[in-house]
Amino acid sequence: ADALALLADALALLADALALQSIVLRRILIHLEGVSIIKRSLQ
């Protein structure tokens, strides 16, 4: 039972990490879109 509780905690931490990764990737995508817009404007 203790091991299963620890596994549940680990899975919750993994879900949090994946959510944070999604946020970071979304921000990188927004940044790249901004760079692309600036590049097209300069061209």
PDB file of all heavy atoms in Angstrom:
ATOM      1  N   ALA A   1       0.837  -1.210   0.000  1.00  0.00           N
ATOM      2  CA  ALA A   1       0.000   0.000   0.000  1.00  0.00           C
ATOM      3  C   ALA A   1       0.867   1.252   0.000  1.00  0.00           C
ATOM      4  O   ALA A   1       0.581   2.223  -0.718  1.00  0.00           O
ATOM      5  CB  ALA A   1      -0.930  -0.011   1.209  1.00  0.00           C
ATOM      6  N   ASP A   2       1.948   1.235   0.783  1.00  0.00           N
ATOM      7  CA  ASP A   2       2.873   2.375   0.795  1.00  0.00           C
ATOM      8  C   ASP A   2       3.519   2.564  -0.576  1.00  0.00           C
ATOM      9  O   ASP A   2       3.661   3.694  -1.065  1.00  0.00           O
ATOM     10  CB  ASP A   2       3.957   2.179   1.858  1.00  0.00           C
ATOM     11  CG  ASP A   2       3.415   2.280   3.279  1.00  0.00           C
ATOM     12  OD1 ASP A   2       2.286   2.784   3.457  1.00  0.00           O
ATOM     13  OD2 ASP A   2       4.129   1.852   4.207  1.00  0.00           O
ATOM     14  N   ALA A   3       3.919   1.460  -1.195  1.00  0.00           N
ATOM     15  CA  ALA A   3       4.550   1.541  -2.510  1.00  0.00           C
ATOM     16  C   ALA A   3       3.572   2.092  -3.547  1.00  0.00           C
ATOM     17  O   ALA A   3       3.951   2.909  -4.396  1.00  0.00           O
ATOM     18  CB  ALA A   3       5.057   0.155  -2.937  1.00  0.00           C
ATOM     19  N   LEU A   4       2.327   1.681  -3.474  1.00  0.00           N
ATOM     20  CA  LEU A   4       1.329   2.189  -4.410  1.00  0.00           C
ATOM     21  C   LEU A   4       1.069   3.678  -4.189  1.00  0.00           C
ATOM     22  O   LEU A   4       0.873   4.429  -5.150  1.00  0.00           O
ATOM     23  CB  LEU A   4       0.031   1.390  -4.285  1.00  0.00           C
ATOM     24  CG  LEU A   4       0.090  -0.038  -4.826  1.00  0.00           C
ATOM     25  CD1 LEU A   4      -1.207  -0.776  -4.521  1.00  0.00           C
ATOM     26  CD2 LEU A   4       0.391  -0.062  -6.305  1.00  0.00           C
ATOM     27  N   ALA A   5       1.105   4.115  -2.934  1.00  0.00           N
ATOM     28  CA  ALA A   5       0.934   5.539  -2.647  1.00  0.00           C
ATOM     29  C   ALA A   5       2.105   6.332  -3.218  1.00  0.00           C
ATOM     30  O   ALA A   5       1.914   7.420  -3.788  1.00  0.00           O
ATOM     31  CB  ALA A   5       0.806   5.768  -1.142  1.00  0.00           C
ATOM     32  N   LEU A   6       3.312   5.802  -3.078  1.00  0.00           N
ATOM     33  CA  LEU A   6       4.487   6.476  -3.648  1.00  0.00           C
ATOM     34  C   LEU A   6       4.409   6.518  -5.169  1.00  0.00           C
ATOM     35  O   LEU A   6       4.783   7.520  -5.796  1.00  0.00           O
ATOM     36  CB  LEU A   6       5.774   5.769  -3.205  1.00  0.00           C
ATOM     37  CG  LEU A   6       6.166   5.954  -1.744  1.00  0.00           C
ATOM     38  CD1 LEU A   6       7.358   5.062  -1.399  1.00  0.00           C
ATOM     39  CD2 LEU A   6       6.483   7.406  -1.443  1.00  0.00           C
ATOM     40  N   LEU A   7       3.913   5.458  -5.762  1.00  0.00           N
ATOM     41  CA  LEU A   7       3.746   5.434  -7.219  1.00  0.00           C
ATOM     42  C   LEU A   7       2.728   6.482  -7.656  1.00  0.00           C
ATOM     43  O   LEU A   7       2.937   7.176  -8.654  1.00  0.00           O
ATOM     44  CB  LEU A   7       3.311   4.041  -7.673  1.00  0.00           C
ATOM     45  CG  LEU A   7       3.055   3.866  -9.161  1.00  0.00           C
ATOM     46  CD1 LEU A   7       4.315   4.149  -9.970  1.00  0.00           C
ATOM     47  CD2 LEU A   7       2.539   2.466  -9.448  1.00  0.00           C
ATOM     48  N   ALA A   8       1.654   6.617  -6.910  1.00  0.00           N
ATOM     49  CA  ALA A   8       0.649   7.637  -7.238  1.00  0.00           C
ATOM     50  C   ALA A   8       1.254   9.036  -7.139  1.00  0.00           C
ATOM     51  O   ALA A   8       0.997   9.893  -7.996  1.00  0.00           O
ATOM     52  CB  ALA A   8      -0.551   7.504  -6.304  1.00  0.00           C
ATOM     53  N   ASP A   9       2.079   9.262  -6.110  1.00  0.00           N
ATOM     54  CA  ASP A   9       2.753  10.559  -5.981  1.00  0.00           C
ATOM     55  C   ASP A   9       3.690  10.809  -7.157  1.00  0.00           C
ATOM     56  O   ASP A   9       3.746  11.924  -7.697  1.00  0.00           O
ATOM     57  CB  ASP A   9       3.536  10.629  -4.667  1.00  0.00           C
ATOM     58  CG  ASP A   9       2.639  10.692  -3.442  1.00  0.00           C
ATOM     59  OD1 ASP A   9       1.432  10.975  -3.595  1.00  0.00           O
ATOM     60  OD2 ASP A   9       3.146  10.457  -2.328  1.00  0.00           O
ATOM     61  N   ALA A  10       4.422   9.784  -7.549  1.00  0.00           N
ATOM     62  CA  ALA A  10       5.351   9.923  -8.675  1.00  0.00           C
ATOM     63  C   ALA A  10       4.597  10.229  -9.969  1.00  0.00           C
ATOM     64  O   ALA A  10       5.038  11.065 -10.768  1.00  0.00           O
ATOM     65  CB  ALA A  10       6.193   8.653  -8.834  1.00  0.00           C
ATOM     66  N   LEU A  11       3.477   9.584 -10.170  1.00  0.00           N
ATOM     67  CA  LEU A  11       2.684   9.845 -11.371  1.00  0.00           C
ATOM     68  C   LEU A  11       2.108  11.258 -11.358  1.00  0.00           C
ATOM     69  O   LEU A  11       2.034  11.914 -12.406  1.00  0.00           O
ATOM     70  CB  LEU A  11       1.568   8.806 -11.504  1.00  0.00           C
ATOM     71  CG  LEU A  11       2.035   7.395 -11.866  1.00  0.00           C
ATOM     72  CD1 LEU A  11       0.862   6.423 -11.827  1.00  0.00           C
ATOM     73  CD2 LEU A  11       2.713   7.364 -13.222  1.00  0.00           C
ATOM     74  N   ALA A  12       1.729  11.743 -10.188  1.00  0.00           N
ATOM     75  CA  ALA A  12       1.234  13.116 -10.092  1.00  0.00           C
ATOM     76  C   ALA A  12       2.349  14.107 -10.418  1.00  0.00           C
ATOM     77  O   ALA A  12       2.116  15.109 -11.120  1.00  0.00           O
ATOM     78  CB  ALA A  12       0.677  13.374  -8.693  1.00  0.00           C
ATOM     79  N   LEU A  13       3.561  13.829  -9.935  1.00  0.00           N
ATOM     80  CA  LEU A  13       4.702  14.692 -10.258  1.00  0.00           C
ATOM     81  C   LEU A  13       5.001  14.655 -11.753  1.00  0.00           C
ATOM     82  O   LEU A  13       5.329  15.683 -12.359  1.00  0.00           O
ATOM     83  CB  LEU A  13       5.935  14.272  -9.460  1.00  0.00           C
ATOM     84  CG  LEU A  13       5.899  14.593  -7.967  1.00  0.00           C
ATOM     85  CD1 LEU A  13       7.093  13.962  -7.264  1.00  0.00           C
ATOM     86  CD2 LEU A  13       5.873  16.084  -7.734  1.00  0.00           C
ATOM     87  N   LEU A  14       4.897  13.499 -12.349  1.00  0.00           N
ATOM     88  CA  LEU A  14       5.116  13.381 -13.793  1.00  0.00           C
ATOM     89  C   LEU A  14       4.073  14.181 -14.568  1.00  0.00           C
ATOM     90  O   LEU A  14       4.409  14.867 -15.546  1.00  0.00           O
ATOM     91  CB  LEU A  14       5.071  11.905 -14.207  1.00  0.00           C
ATOM     92  CG  LEU A  14       5.255  11.611 -15.691  1.00  0.00           C
ATOM     93  CD1 LEU A  14       6.621  12.094 -16.173  1.00  0.00           C
ATOM     94  CD2 LEU A  14       5.083  10.133 -15.963  1.00  0.00           C
ATOM     95  N   ALA A  15       2.829  14.126 -14.123  1.00  0.00           N
ATOM     96  CA  ALA A  15       1.780  14.905 -14.787  1.00  0.00           C
ATOM     97  C   ALA A  15       2.068  16.397 -14.673  1.00  0.00           C
ATOM     98  O   ALA A  15       1.893  17.148 -15.639  1.00  0.00           O
ATOM     99  CB  ALA A  15       0.421  14.569 -14.170  1.00  0.00           C
ATOM    100  N   ASP A  16       2.528  16.823 -13.498  1.00  0.00           N
ATOM    101  CA  ASP A  16       2.890  18.239 -13.329  1.00  0.00           C
ATOM    102  C   ASP A  16       4.046  18.626 -14.246  1.00  0.00           C
ATOM    103  O   ASP A  16       4.030  19.700 -14.858  1.00  0.00           O
ATOM    104  CB  ASP A  16       3.269  18.524 -11.872  1.00  0.00           C
ATOM    105  CG  ASP A  16       2.083  18.449 -10.929  1.00  0.00           C
ATOM    106  OD1 ASP A  16       0.930  18.467 -11.417  1.00  0.00           O
ATOM    107  OD2 ASP A  16       2.303  18.366  -9.701  1.00  0.00           O
ATOM    108  N   ALA A  17       5.037  17.766 -14.351  1.00  0.00           N
ATOM    109  CA  ALA A  17       6.189  18.050 -15.207  1.00  0.00           C
ATOM    110  C   ALA A  17       5.760  18.146 -16.676  1.00  0.00           C
ATOM    111  O   ALA A  17       6.231  19.021 -17.413  1.00  0.00           O
ATOM    112  CB  ALA A  17       7.256  16.961 -15.041  1.00  0.00           C
ATOM    113  N   LEU A  18       4.874  17.258 -17.084  1.00  0.00           N
ATOM    114  CA  LEU A  18       4.391  17.306 -18.465  1.00  0.00           C
ATOM    115  C   LEU A  18       3.580  18.574 -18.722  1.00  0.00           C
ATOM    116  O   LEU A  18       3.664  19.173 -19.807  1.00  0.00           O
ATOM    117  CB  LEU A  18       3.559  16.064 -18.777  1.00  0.00           C
ATOM    118  CG  LEU A  18       4.358  14.766 -18.882  1.00  0.00           C
ATOM    119  CD1 LEU A  18       3.411  13.577 -19.042  1.00  0.00           C
ATOM    120  CD2 LEU A  18       5.350  14.813 -20.020  1.00  0.00           C
ATOM    121  N   ALA A  19       2.813  19.000 -17.744  1.00  0.00           N
ATOM    122  CA  ALA A  19       2.052  20.240 -17.900  1.00  0.00           C
ATOM    123  C   ALA A  19       2.992  21.433 -18.028  1.00  0.00           C
ATOM    124  O   ALA A  19       2.789  22.318 -18.869  1.00  0.00           O
ATOM    125  CB  ALA A  19       1.102  20.425 -16.716  1.00  0.00           C
ATOM    126  N   LEU A  20       4.050  21.448 -17.208  1.00  0.00           N
ATOM    127  CA  LEU A  20       5.032  22.535 -17.304  1.00  0.00           C
ATOM    128  C   LEU A  20       5.755  22.506 -18.646  1.00  0.00           C
ATOM    129  O   LEU A  20       6.013  23.552 -19.252  1.00  0.00           O
ATOM    130  CB  LEU A  20       6.043  22.443 -16.158  1.00  0.00           C
ATOM    131  CG  LEU A  20       5.512  22.827 -14.775  1.00  0.00           C
ATOM    132  CD1 LEU A  20       6.556  22.535 -13.712  1.00  0.00           C
ATOM    133  CD2 LEU A  20       5.097  24.275 -14.730  1.00  0.00           C
ATOM    134  N   GLN A  21       6.068  21.328 -19.111  1.00  0.00           N
ATOM    135  CA  GLN A  21       6.740  21.197 -20.401  1.00  0.00           C
ATOM    136  C   GLN A  21       5.834  21.735 -21.514  1.00  0.00           C
ATOM    137  O   GLN A  21       6.302  22.414 -22.430  1.00  0.00           O
ATOM    138  CB  GLN A  21       7.106  19.742 -20.667  1.00  0.00           C
ATOM    139  CG  GLN A  21       7.852  19.556 -21.971  1.00  0.00           C
ATOM    140  CD  GLN A  21       8.150  18.095 -22.259  1.00  0.00           C
ATOM    141  OE1 GLN A  21       7.555  17.216 -21.667  1.00  0.00           O
ATOM    142  NE2 GLN A  21       9.068  17.851 -23.173  1.00  0.00           N
ATOM    143  N   SER A  22       4.559  21.460 -21.411  1.00  0.00           N
ATOM    144  CA  SER A  22       3.615  21.963 -22.409  1.00  0.00           C
ATOM    145  C   SER A  22       3.591  23.492 -22.410  1.00  0.00           C
ATOM    146  O   SER A  22       3.572  24.114 -23.474  1.00  0.00           O
ATOM    147  CB  SER A  22       2.222  21.406 -22.095  1.00  0.00           C
ATOM    148  OG  SER A  22       1.271  21.987 -22.937  1.00  0.00           O
ATOM    149  N   ILE A  23       3.616  24.083 -21.228  1.00  0.00           N
ATOM    150  CA  ILE A  23       3.624  25.551 -21.132  1.00  0.00           C
ATOM    151  C   ILE A  23       4.893  26.118 -21.759  1.00  0.00           C
ATOM    152  O   ILE A  23       4.850  27.085 -22.532  1.00  0.00           O
ATOM    153  CB  ILE A  23       3.489  25.988 -19.662  1.00  0.00           C
ATOM    154  CG1 ILE A  23       2.093  25.650 -19.144  1.00  0.00           C
ATOM    155  CG2 ILE A  23       3.768  27.476 -19.498  1.00  0.00           C
ATOM    156  CD1 ILE A  23       1.934  25.791 -17.637  1.00  0.00           C
ATOM    157  N   VAL A  24       6.027  25.503 -21.438  1.00  0.00           N
ATOM    158  CA  VAL A  24       7.303  25.977 -21.979  1.00  0.00           C
ATOM    159  C   VAL A  24       7.308  25.849 -23.504  1.00  0.00           C
ATOM    160  O   VAL A  24       7.721  26.776 -24.217  1.00  0.00           O
ATOM    161  CB  VAL A  24       8.486  25.211 -21.353  1.00  0.00           C
ATOM    162  CG1 VAL A  24       9.783  25.481 -22.095  1.00  0.00           C
ATOM    163  CG2 VAL A  24       8.624  25.568 -19.878  1.00  0.00           C
ATOM    164  N   LEU A  25       6.854  24.735 -24.020  1.00  0.00           N
ATOM    165  CA  LEU A  25       6.828  24.546 -25.476  1.00  0.00           C
ATOM    166  C   LEU A  25       5.886  25.543 -26.147  1.00  0.00           C
ATOM    167  O   LEU A  25       6.184  26.059 -27.231  1.00  0.00           O
ATOM    168  CB  LEU A  25       6.429  23.114 -25.815  1.00  0.00           C
ATOM    169  CG  LEU A  25       7.474  22.045 -25.480  1.00  0.00           C
ATOM    170  CD1 LEU A  25       6.922  20.656 -25.744  1.00  0.00           C
ATOM    171  CD2 LEU A  25       8.758  22.269 -26.252  1.00  0.00           C
ATOM    172  N   ARG A  26       4.765  25.829 -25.508  1.00  0.00           N
ATOM    173  CA  ARG A  26       3.837  26.812 -26.056  1.00  0.00           C
ATOM    174  C   ARG A  26       4.488  28.198 -26.116  1.00  0.00           C
ATOM    175  O   ARG A  26       4.367  28.929 -27.097  1.00  0.00           O
ATOM    176  CB  ARG A  26       2.567  26.856 -25.205  1.00  0.00           C
ATOM    177  CG  ARG A  26       1.403  27.527 -25.902  1.00  0.00           C
ATOM    178  CD  ARG A  26       0.095  27.415 -25.110  1.00  0.00           C
ATOM    179  NE  ARG A  26      -0.171  26.092 -24.606  1.00  0.00           N
ATOM    180  CZ  ARG A  26      -0.382  25.807 -23.312  1.00  0.00           C
ATOM    181  NH1 ARG A  26      -0.390  26.759 -22.417  1.00  0.00           N
ATOM    182  NH2 ARG A  26      -0.615  24.576 -22.921  1.00  0.00           N
ATOM    183  N   ARG A  27       5.227  28.547 -25.062  1.00  0.00           N
ATOM    184  CA  ARG A  27       5.919  29.846 -25.054  1.00  0.00           C
ATOM    185  C   ARG A  27       7.017  29.905 -26.112  1.00  0.00           C
ATOM    186  O   ARG A  27       7.221  30.942 -26.757  1.00  0.00           O
ATOM    187  CB  ARG A  27       6.492  30.136 -23.679  1.00  0.00           C
ATOM    188  CG  ARG A  27       5.406  30.461 -22.683  1.00  0.00           C
ATOM    189  CD  ARG A  27       5.978  30.843 -21.361  1.00  0.00           C
ATOM    190  NE  ARG A  27       4.891  31.136 -20.448  1.00  0.00           N
ATOM    191  CZ  ARG A  27       4.886  32.141 -19.615  1.00  0.00           C
ATOM    192  NH1 ARG A  27       5.910  32.956 -19.570  1.00  0.00           N
ATOM    193  NH2 ARG A  27       3.875  32.334 -18.819  1.00  0.00           N
ATOM    194  N   ILE A  28       7.712  28.801 -26.311  1.00  0.00           N
ATOM    195  CA  ILE A  28       8.738  28.761 -27.363  1.00  0.00           C
ATOM    196  C   ILE A  28       8.088  28.939 -28.726  1.00  0.00           C
ATOM    197  O   ILE A  28       8.576  29.685 -29.579  1.00  0.00           O
ATOM    198  CB  ILE A  28       9.542  27.437 -27.290  1.00  0.00           C
ATOM    199  CG1 ILE A  28      10.434  27.433 -26.050  1.00  0.00           C
ATOM    200  CG2 ILE A  28      10.371  27.232 -28.542  1.00  0.00           C
ATOM    201  CD1 ILE A  28      11.095  26.095 -25.767  1.00  0.00           C
ATOM    202  N   LEU A  29       6.961  28.296 -28.949  1.00  0.00           N
ATOM    203  CA  LEU A  29       6.249  28.419 -30.216  1.00  0.00           C
ATOM    204  C   LEU A  29       5.792  29.855 -30.448  1.00  0.00           C
ATOM    205  O   LEU A  29       5.944  30.394 -31.548  1.00  0.00           O
ATOM    206  CB  LEU A  29       5.049  27.467 -30.237  1.00  0.00           C
ATOM    207  CG  LEU A  29       4.218  27.447 -31.509  1.00  0.00           C
ATOM    208  CD1 LEU A  29       5.074  27.017 -32.696  1.00  0.00           C
ATOM    209  CD2 LEU A  29       3.033  26.523 -31.347  1.00  0.00           C
ATOM    210  N   ILE A  30       5.260  30.483 -29.407  1.00  0.00           N
ATOM    211  CA  ILE A  30       4.845  31.888 -29.521  1.00  0.00           C
ATOM    212  C   ILE A  30       6.038  32.767 -29.861  1.00  0.00           C
ATOM    213  O   ILE A  30       5.971  33.652 -30.718  1.00  0.00           O
ATOM    214  CB  ILE A  30       4.155  32.354 -28.217  1.00  0.00           C
ATOM    215  CG1 ILE A  30       2.797  31.658 -28.073  1.00  0.00           C
ATOM    216  CG2 ILE A  30       3.991  33.868 -28.184  1.00  0.00           C
ATOM    217  CD1 ILE A  30       2.158  31.835 -26.704  1.00  0.00           C
ATOM    218  N   HIS A  31       7.172  32.496 -29.187  1.00  0.00           N
ATOM    219  CA  HIS A  31       8.398  33.261 -29.457  1.00  0.00           C
ATOM    220  C   HIS A  31       8.833  33.072 -30.912  1.00  0.00           C
ATOM    221  O   HIS A  31       9.174  34.042 -31.602  1.00  0.00           O
ATOM    222  CB  HIS A  31       9.505  32.839 -28.500  1.00  0.00           C
ATOM    223  CG  HIS A  31      10.821  33.477 -28.797  1.00  0.00           C
ATOM    224  ND1 HIS A  31      11.085  34.783 -28.518  1.00  0.00           N
ATOM    225  CD2 HIS A  31      11.943  32.970 -29.376  1.00  0.00           C
ATOM    226  CE1 HIS A  31      12.325  35.078 -28.902  1.00  0.00           C
ATOM    227  NE2 HIS A  31      12.868  33.987 -29.421  1.00  0.00           N
ATOM    228  N   LEU A  32       8.819  31.854 -31.394  1.00  0.00           N
ATOM    229  CA  LEU A  32       9.229  31.579 -32.775  1.00  0.00           C
ATOM    230  C   LEU A  32       8.282  32.229 -33.776  1.00  0.00           C
ATOM    231  O   LEU A  32       8.724  32.724 -34.824  1.00  0.00           O
ATOM    232  CB  LEU A  32       9.317  30.072 -33.016  1.00  0.00           C
ATOM    233  CG  LEU A  32      10.463  29.357 -32.295  1.00  0.00           C
ATOM    234  CD1 LEU A  32      10.374  27.860 -32.517  1.00  0.00           C
ATOM    235  CD2 LEU A  32      11.805  29.898 -32.731  1.00  0.00           C
ATOM    236  N   GLU A  33       6.997  32.232 -33.461  1.00  0.00           N
ATOM    237  CA  GLU A  33       6.045  32.908 -34.344  1.00  0.00           C
ATOM    238  C   GLU A  33       6.338  34.409 -34.377  1.00  0.00           C
ATOM    239  O   GLU A  33       6.274  35.041 -35.441  1.00  0.00           O
ATOM    240  CB  GLU A  33       4.615  32.657 -33.876  1.00  0.00           C
ATOM    241  CG  GLU A  33       4.126  31.256 -34.155  1.00  0.00           C
ATOM    242  CD  GLU A  33       2.741  30.983 -33.575  1.00  0.00           C
ATOM    243  OE1 GLU A  33       2.216  31.826 -32.826  1.00  0.00           O
ATOM    244  OE2 GLU A  33       2.206  29.914 -33.869  1.00  0.00           O
ATOM    245  N   GLY A  34       6.680  34.977 -33.213  1.00  0.00           N
ATOM    246  CA  GLY A  34       7.035  36.398 -33.156  1.00  0.00           C
ATOM    247  C   GLY A  34       8.279  36.689 -33.971  1.00  0.00           C
ATOM    248  O   GLY A  34       8.343  37.687 -34.716  1.00  0.00           O
ATOM    249  N   VAL A  35       9.273  35.826 -33.877  1.00  0.00           N
ATOM    250  CA  VAL A  35      10.510  35.995 -34.650  1.00  0.00           C
ATOM    251  C   VAL A  35      10.183  35.913 -36.138  1.00  0.00           C
ATOM    252  O   VAL A  35      10.713  36.691 -36.952  1.00  0.00           O
ATOM    253  CB  VAL A  35      11.555  34.941 -34.243  1.00  0.00           C
ATOM    254  CG1 VAL A  35      12.721  34.916 -35.210  1.00  0.00           C
ATOM    255  CG2 VAL A  35      12.038  35.202 -32.821  1.00  0.00           C
ATOM    256  N   SER A  36       9.325  34.976 -36.508  1.00  0.00           N
ATOM    257  CA  SER A  36       8.948  34.817 -37.912  1.00  0.00           C
ATOM    258  C   SER A  36       8.239  36.069 -38.432  1.00  0.00           C
ATOM    259  O   SER A  36       8.500  36.518 -39.550  1.00  0.00           O
ATOM    260  CB  SER A  36       8.049  33.592 -38.062  1.00  0.00           C
ATOM    261  OG  SER A  36       7.601  33.462 -39.380  1.00  0.00           O
ATOM    262  N   ILE A  37       7.357  36.647 -37.617  1.00  0.00           N
ATOM    263  CA  ILE A  37       6.649  37.870 -38.015  1.00  0.00           C
ATOM    264  C   ILE A  37       7.639  39.016 -38.194  1.00  0.00           C
ATOM    265  O   ILE A  37       7.585  39.769 -39.188  1.00  0.00           O
ATOM    266  CB  ILE A  37       5.563  38.229 -36.973  1.00  0.00           C
ATOM    267  CG1 ILE A  37       4.433  37.202 -37.035  1.00  0.00           C
ATOM    268  CG2 ILE A  37       5.013  39.639 -37.202  1.00  0.00           C
ATOM    269  CD1 ILE A  37       3.435  37.310 -35.893  1.00  0.00           C
ATOM    270  N   ILE A  38       8.565  39.144 -37.260  1.00  0.00           N
ATOM    271  CA  ILE A  38       9.580  40.209 -37.361  1.00  0.00           C
ATOM    272  C   ILE A  38      10.432  40.002 -38.602  1.00  0.00           C
ATOM    273  O   ILE A  38      10.728  40.953 -39.344  1.00  0.00           O
ATOM    274  CB  ILE A  38      10.445  40.245 -36.082  1.00  0.00           C
ATOM    275  CG1 ILE A  38       9.597  40.697 -34.891  1.00  0.00           C
ATOM    276  CG2 ILE A  38      11.652  41.141 -36.269  1.00  0.00           C
ATOM    277  CD1 ILE A  38      10.293  40.556 -33.562  1.00  0.00           C
ATOM    278  N   LYS A  39      10.817  38.763 -38.871  1.00  0.00           N
ATOM    279  CA  LYS A  39      11.652  38.459 -40.034  1.00  0.00           C
ATOM    280  C   LYS A  39      10.918  38.824 -41.326  1.00  0.00           C
ATOM    281  O   LYS A  39      11.488  39.449 -42.229  1.00  0.00           O
ATOM    282  CB  LYS A  39      12.027  36.977 -40.027  1.00  0.00           C
ATOM    283  CG  LYS A  39      12.971  36.581 -41.122  1.00  0.00           C
ATOM    284  CD  LYS A  39      13.338  35.102 -40.994  1.00  0.00           C
ATOM    285  CE  LYS A  39      14.201  34.652 -42.129  1.00  0.00           C
ATOM    286  NZ  LYS A  39      14.486  33.224 -42.089  1.00  0.00           N
ATOM    287  N   ARG A  40       9.630  38.456 -41.414  1.00  0.00           N
ATOM    288  CA  ARG A  40       8.857  38.804 -42.615  1.00  0.00           C
ATOM    289  C   ARG A  40       8.701  40.315 -42.754  1.00  0.00           C
ATOM    290  O   ARG A  40       8.761  40.840 -43.855  1.00  0.00           O
ATOM    291  CB  ARG A  40       7.473  38.135 -42.550  1.00  0.00           C
ATOM    292  CG  ARG A  40       7.529  36.699 -43.047  1.00  0.00           C
ATOM    293  CD  ARG A  40       6.146  36.082 -43.125  1.00  0.00           C
ATOM    294  NE  ARG A  40       5.915  35.474 -41.821  1.00  0.00           N
ATOM    295  CZ  ARG A  40       4.749  35.422 -41.206  1.00  0.00           C
ATOM    296  NH1 ARG A  40       3.688  35.939 -41.749  1.00  0.00           N
ATOM    297  NH2 ARG A  40       4.630  34.846 -40.043  1.00  0.00           N
ATOM    298  N   SER A  41       8.530  40.979 -41.623  1.00  0.00           N
ATOM    299  CA  SER A  41       8.392  42.448 -41.665  1.00  0.00           C
ATOM    300  C   SER A  41       9.687  43.084 -42.170  1.00  0.00           C
ATOM    301  O   SER A  41       9.662  44.021 -42.981  1.00  0.00           O
ATOM    302  CB  SER A  41       8.043  43.001 -40.291  1.00  0.00           C
ATOM    303  OG  SER A  41       6.813  42.523 -39.856  1.00  0.00           O
ATOM    304  N   LEU A  42      10.830  42.585 -41.690  1.00  0.00           N
ATOM    305  CA  LEU A  42      12.115  43.124 -42.137  1.00  0.00           C
ATOM    306  C   LEU A  42      12.331  42.845 -43.615  1.00  0.00           C
ATOM    307  O   LEU A  42      12.860  43.691 -44.355  1.00  0.00           O
ATOM    308  CB  LEU A  42      13.261  42.545 -41.297  1.00  0.00           C
ATOM    309  CG  LEU A  42      13.353  43.034 -39.861  1.00  0.00           C
ATOM    310  CD1 LEU A  42      14.428  42.256 -39.112  1.00  0.00           C
ATOM    311  CD2 LEU A  42      13.621  44.526 -39.808  1.00  0.00           C
ATOM    312  N   GLN A  43      11.945  41.677 -44.065  1.00  0.00           N
ATOM    313  CA  GLN A  43      12.086  41.355 -45.497  1.00  0.00           C
ATOM    314  C   GLN A  43      11.169  42.246 -46.333  1.00  0.00           C
ATOM    315  O   GLN A  43      11.543  42.681 -47.414  1.00  0.00           O
ATOM    316  CB  GLN A  43      11.765  39.879 -45.752  1.00  0.00           C
ATOM    317  CG  GLN A  43      12.864  38.949 -45.272  1.00  0.00           C
ATOM    318  CD  GLN A  43      12.473  37.475 -45.424  1.00  0.00           C
ATOM    319  OE1 GLN A  43      11.318  37.140 -45.709  1.00  0.00           O
ATOM    320  NE2 GLN A  43      13.441  36.605 -45.231  1.00  0.00           N
TER     321      GLN A  43
END
